[in-house]
Amino acid sequence: MTESEPTAAAAGSPSRPPVLEAVGVERSFTEVRGRLEVLRGVDLAVEAGERIAIIGASGSGKTTLLQILGGLDRPSRGEVRVNGQPLFALGEAARGELRNHTLGFVYQFHHLLPEFTALENVAMPLLIRRTPPAEARRDAAEILGRVGLGERLDHKPSELSGGERQRAAVARALVTRPSVVLADEPTGNLDAPTGERVFGLMLELNRELGTSLVVVTHDLALARRMDRVLTLGDGRLVAAALDA
């Protein structure tokens, strides 16, 4: 399959709810100089297997939106639904469990725990959901092998290159087979060739696993490889018009 071919979203049943949905999401902060409105009514529906890029100026609220979509920050108004379930209607424990089972996160910096090996870092989301340790290690080793780190399982982050650490972070996000991966500038801290390899890997796994991708990026070349490109500006999310 090439990148221009349809993703799983094209074949999805219209009766199924989006895997991730934002409805009228607003977010404001109170500052010394007054109220800062960051998001002013964001609507977004992410279908199964769909790949979406979000672009926008620095400080436009892209990271804030991603944190709200992932249940890490609460909107001032509006609703986020995961597989049709209102995320913020849940208690903290239930919301954390839903995140663990349906959402994966990749950040600009890998956030691997330095005292643990690559295998242990990647197995951790499975252990949190009480997967038997032997099964968690097996699944972590499998996904690390698929991202080209099968020979680096016992290496700690300090023993990995920048690209290897980011690939381990991608493996950690995908080891639970989430419905959606939310990625905040996942290649922003890498040189161009390494960033291209990491992003290509994310697209490959998106096709193989059917996991939806929502990626915040400043790289328009990467954004063009997604199914949809949206711009966040003045607190609102709209379709982007990119030059060919």
Protein backbone atom coordinates (compact mmCIF):
# COMPACT_ATOMS: atom_id res chain seq x y z
CA MET A 1 0.00 0.00 0.00
CA THR A 2 1.25 3.47 -0.85
CA GLU A 3 0.68 6.62 1.17
CA SER A 4 -1.84 7.85 -1.42
CA GLU A 5 -4.10 4.83 -0.95
CA PRO A 6 -7.17 5.04 1.31
CA THR A 7 -6.74 4.38 5.00
CA ALA A 8 -9.10 2.32 7.11
CA ALA A 9 -11.28 5.42 7.55
CA ALA A 10 -12.56 5.09 3.99
CA ALA A 11 -13.92 1.62 4.69
CA GLY A 12 -15.36 2.37 8.11
CA SER A 13 -19.05 1.91 8.79
CA PRO A 14 -20.93 5.25 8.76
CA SER A 15 -22.98 4.07 11.74
CA ARG A 16 -19.96 3.91 14.01
CA PRO A 17 -19.07 7.00 16.02
CA PRO A 18 -15.72 8.69 15.37
CA VAL A 19 -12.91 7.17 17.41
CA LEU A 20 -12.17 10.66 18.75
CA GLU A 21 -14.43 13.70 18.68
CA ALA A 22 -14.30 17.25 20.01
CA VAL A 23 -17.55 19.20 20.17
CA GLY A 24 -17.52 22.93 20.88
CA VAL A 25 -14.28 22.73 22.87
CA GLU A 26 -13.24 26.00 24.50
CA ARG A 27 -10.25 26.66 26.76
CA SER A 28 -9.41 29.89 28.52
CA PHE A 29 -6.94 30.87 31.21
CA THR A 30 -7.11 33.65 33.77
CA GLU A 31 -4.02 35.85 33.78
CA VAL A 32 -2.99 39.01 35.60
CA ARG A 33 -3.95 41.09 32.56
CA GLY A 34 -7.28 39.36 32.09
CA ARG A 35 -8.77 36.28 30.47
CA LEU A 36 -6.86 34.55 27.69
CA GLU A 37 -9.06 32.59 25.28
CA VAL A 38 -6.96 29.89 23.63
CA LEU A 39 -9.66 27.69 22.06
CA ARG A 40 -12.95 29.26 20.94
CA GLY A 41 -15.20 26.37 19.97
CA VAL A 42 -13.19 23.60 18.31
CA ASP A 43 -15.03 20.79 16.50
CA LEU A 44 -13.13 17.76 15.27
CA ALA A 45 -14.09 14.21 14.30
CA VAL A 46 -11.37 11.60 13.77
CA GLU A 47 -12.42 8.43 11.98
CA ALA A 48 -10.87 4.98 12.38
CA GLY A 49 -7.49 4.81 10.67
CA GLU A 50 -7.58 8.49 9.64
CA ARG A 51 -4.43 10.62 9.58
CA ILE A 52 -4.81 14.29 10.49
CA ALA A 53 -2.17 17.01 10.71
CA ILE A 54 -2.75 20.16 12.75
CA ILE A 55 -0.62 23.19 11.91
CA GLY A 56 -0.62 26.75 13.19
CA ALA A 57 1.55 29.53 14.53
CA SER A 58 3.55 29.09 17.71
CA GLY A 59 1.31 29.82 20.68
CA SER A 60 -1.92 29.19 18.76
CA GLY A 61 -3.02 26.48 21.19
CA LYS A 62 -2.08 23.31 19.29
CA THR A 63 -0.54 21.60 22.31
CA THR A 64 -3.43 22.70 24.53
CA LEU A 65 -5.87 21.14 22.08
CA LEU A 66 -3.88 17.91 21.94
CA GLN A 67 -3.79 17.70 25.74
CA ILE A 68 -7.56 18.16 25.90
CA LEU A 69 -8.13 15.53 23.21
CA GLY A 70 -5.99 13.17 25.27
CA GLY A 71 -7.79 13.90 28.54
CA LEU A 72 -4.70 15.49 30.09
CA ASP A 73 -6.36 18.91 30.39
CA ARG A 74 -10.02 19.76 30.88
CA PRO A 75 -11.86 22.12 28.51
CA SER A 76 -13.55 25.22 29.90
CA ARG A 77 -16.58 24.29 27.81
CA GLY A 78 -17.43 21.58 25.30
CA GLU A 79 -16.99 17.84 25.19
CA VAL A 80 -14.49 15.22 24.07
CA ARG A 81 -15.72 11.74 23.17
CA VAL A 82 -13.59 8.64 22.74
CA ASN A 83 -15.37 5.91 20.79
CA GLY A 84 -18.59 7.74 21.58
CA GLN A 85 -17.93 7.91 25.33
CA PRO A 86 -17.76 11.39 26.95
CA LEU A 87 -14.23 11.54 28.32
CA PHE A 88 -14.73 14.17 31.00
CA ALA A 89 -17.93 12.63 32.34
CA LEU A 90 -15.70 9.91 33.79
CA GLY A 91 -13.93 10.02 37.12
CA GLU A 92 -10.16 10.37 37.18
CA ALA A 93 -9.48 6.62 37.53
CA ALA A 94 -11.91 5.63 34.78
CA ARG A 95 -10.57 8.39 32.51
CA GLY A 96 -7.04 7.14 33.05
CA GLU A 97 -8.08 3.60 32.21
CA LEU A 98 -9.81 4.75 29.02
CA ARG A 99 -6.69 6.70 28.01
CA ASN A 100 -4.53 3.64 28.62
CA HIS A 101 -6.72 1.42 26.47
CA THR A 102 -7.56 3.76 23.58
CA LEU A 103 -5.00 6.58 23.32
CA GLY A 104 -1.26 6.68 22.66
CA PHE A 105 1.01 9.71 23.01
CA VAL A 106 4.22 10.73 21.24
CA TYR A 107 5.96 13.98 22.18
CA GLN A 108 8.76 16.04 20.70
CA PHE A 109 11.01 14.74 23.48
CA HIS A 110 10.83 11.01 24.05
CA HIS A 111 10.07 11.08 27.82
CA LEU A 112 11.53 7.61 28.29
CA LEU A 113 12.34 6.82 31.90
CA PRO A 114 16.15 6.86 32.12
CA GLU A 115 16.49 4.10 34.72
CA PHE A 116 14.64 1.53 32.60
CA THR A 117 15.64 -0.31 29.43
CA ALA A 118 13.90 0.18 26.10
CA LEU A 119 12.00 -3.06 26.69
CA GLU A 120 10.89 -1.99 30.16
CA ASN A 121 9.84 1.47 28.96
CA VAL A 122 7.72 0.05 26.16
CA ALA A 123 6.18 -2.67 28.34
CA MET A 124 5.11 -0.17 31.00
CA PRO A 125 1.71 0.83 29.51
CA LEU A 126 0.81 -2.87 29.39
CA LEU A 127 1.94 -3.44 32.95
CA ILE A 128 -0.16 -0.47 34.08
CA ARG A 129 -3.22 -2.22 32.68
CA ARG A 130 -2.16 -5.36 34.59
CA THR A 131 -1.05 -7.41 31.61
CA PRO A 132 0.96 -10.42 32.86
CA PRO A 133 4.65 -9.44 32.85
CA ALA A 134 5.73 -12.19 30.46
CA GLU A 135 3.04 -11.17 27.95
CA ALA A 136 3.90 -7.47 28.33
CA ARG A 137 7.59 -8.15 27.66
CA ARG A 138 6.74 -10.31 24.65
CA ASP A 139 4.48 -7.65 23.10
CA ALA A 140 7.03 -4.91 23.85
CA ALA A 141 9.82 -6.93 22.23
CA GLU A 142 7.65 -7.52 19.15
CA ILE A 143 6.82 -3.84 18.59
CA LEU A 144 10.44 -2.82 19.27
CA GLY A 145 11.50 -5.30 16.63
CA ARG A 146 9.07 -3.73 14.18
CA VAL A 147 10.60 -0.28 14.73
CA GLY A 148 14.10 -1.65 14.18
CA LEU A 149 15.20 -1.91 17.81
CA GLY A 150 15.09 -5.67 18.22
CA GLU A 151 18.80 -5.68 19.06
CA ARG A 152 18.52 -2.80 21.55
CA LEU A 153 15.97 -4.18 24.01
CA ASP A 154 18.29 -4.07 27.01
CA HIS A 155 19.72 -0.62 26.29
CA LYS A 156 18.75 2.32 28.47
CA PRO A 157 17.81 5.66 26.84
CA SER A 158 21.28 7.08 27.45
CA GLU A 159 22.68 4.25 25.33
CA LEU A 160 20.38 4.99 22.37
CA SER A 161 20.70 7.63 19.67
CA GLY A 162 18.11 10.40 19.38
CA GLY A 163 16.35 8.62 16.56
CA GLU A 164 16.38 5.32 18.44
CA ARG A 165 14.89 6.96 21.52
CA GLN A 166 12.08 8.47 19.44
CA ARG A 167 11.41 5.13 17.76
CA ALA A 168 11.17 3.57 21.22
CA ALA A 169 8.68 6.31 22.15
CA VAL A 170 6.61 5.45 19.06
CA ALA A 171 6.72 1.78 20.04
CA ARG A 172 5.55 2.67 23.57
CA ALA A 173 2.62 4.64 22.12
CA LEU A 174 1.55 1.76 19.89
CA VAL A 175 2.18 -1.27 22.09
CA THR A 176 -1.37 -1.15 23.49
CA ARG A 177 -2.86 -1.04 19.96
CA PRO A 178 -4.66 2.25 20.71
CA SER A 179 -7.53 3.64 18.65
CA VAL A 180 -5.72 6.98 18.27
CA VAL A 181 -2.15 8.22 18.61
CA LEU A 182 -1.74 11.91 19.49
CA ALA A 183 1.68 13.22 18.49
CA ASP A 184 3.04 16.66 19.37
CA GLU A 185 5.91 17.61 17.01
CA PRO A 186 7.17 14.00 17.01
CA THR A 187 10.09 14.81 14.69
CA GLY A 188 10.79 18.36 15.89
CA ASN A 189 13.86 17.38 17.90
CA LEU A 190 15.44 15.24 15.16
CA ASP A 191 17.59 15.98 12.12
CA ALA A 192 15.78 15.79 8.78
CA PRO A 193 16.78 12.24 7.71
CA THR A 194 16.06 10.78 11.16
CA GLY A 195 12.78 12.69 11.41
CA GLU A 196 11.73 11.37 8.01
CA ARG A 197 12.46 7.81 9.13
CA VAL A 198 10.48 8.19 12.36
CA PHE A 199 7.52 9.79 10.58
CA GLY A 200 7.57 7.15 7.86
CA LEU A 201 7.49 4.51 10.58
CA MET A 202 4.43 6.13 12.16
CA LEU A 203 2.61 6.10 8.82
CA GLU A 204 3.59 2.49 8.19
CA LEU A 205 2.26 1.38 11.57
CA ASN A 206 -0.87 3.47 11.01
CA ARG A 207 -1.56 1.42 7.89
CA GLU A 208 -0.75 -1.92 9.49
CA LEU A 209 -2.57 -1.45 12.79
CA GLY A 210 -5.41 0.84 11.69
CA THR A 211 -4.55 3.32 14.44
CA SER A 212 -5.67 6.89 13.76
CA LEU A 213 -3.05 9.64 13.91
CA VAL A 214 -3.49 13.24 15.02
CA VAL A 215 -0.16 14.99 14.57
CA VAL A 216 0.78 18.55 15.49
CA THR A 217 3.65 19.61 13.24
CA HIS A 218 5.29 22.72 11.84
CA ASP A 219 6.69 20.70 8.92
CA LEU A 220 4.39 21.29 5.94
CA ALA A 221 6.05 18.52 3.91
CA LEU A 222 5.08 16.02 6.58
CA ALA A 223 1.61 17.53 6.94
CA ARG A 224 0.93 17.03 3.23
CA ARG A 225 1.36 13.27 3.67
CA MET A 226 -1.69 13.09 5.93
CA ASP A 227 -5.32 12.57 4.91
CA ARG A 228 -6.37 16.00 6.18
CA VAL A 229 -4.52 19.15 7.21
CA LEU A 230 -6.19 21.56 9.63
CA THR A 231 -5.03 24.97 10.81
CA LEU A 232 -5.56 26.26 14.34
CA GLY A 233 -5.79 30.03 14.42
CA ASP A 234 -7.66 32.53 16.56
CA GLY A 235 -8.83 29.61 18.67
CA ARG A 236 -10.60 27.86 15.80
CA LEU A 237 -9.76 24.79 13.74
CA VAL A 238 -10.34 25.03 9.97
CA ALA A 239 -9.27 23.16 6.87
CA ALA A 240 -5.86 24.28 5.63
CA ALA A 241 -5.20 25.31 2.04
CA LEU A 242 -1.64 24.23 1.32
CA ASP A 243 0.18 24.89 -1.92
CA ALA A 244 1.08 21.77 -3.84
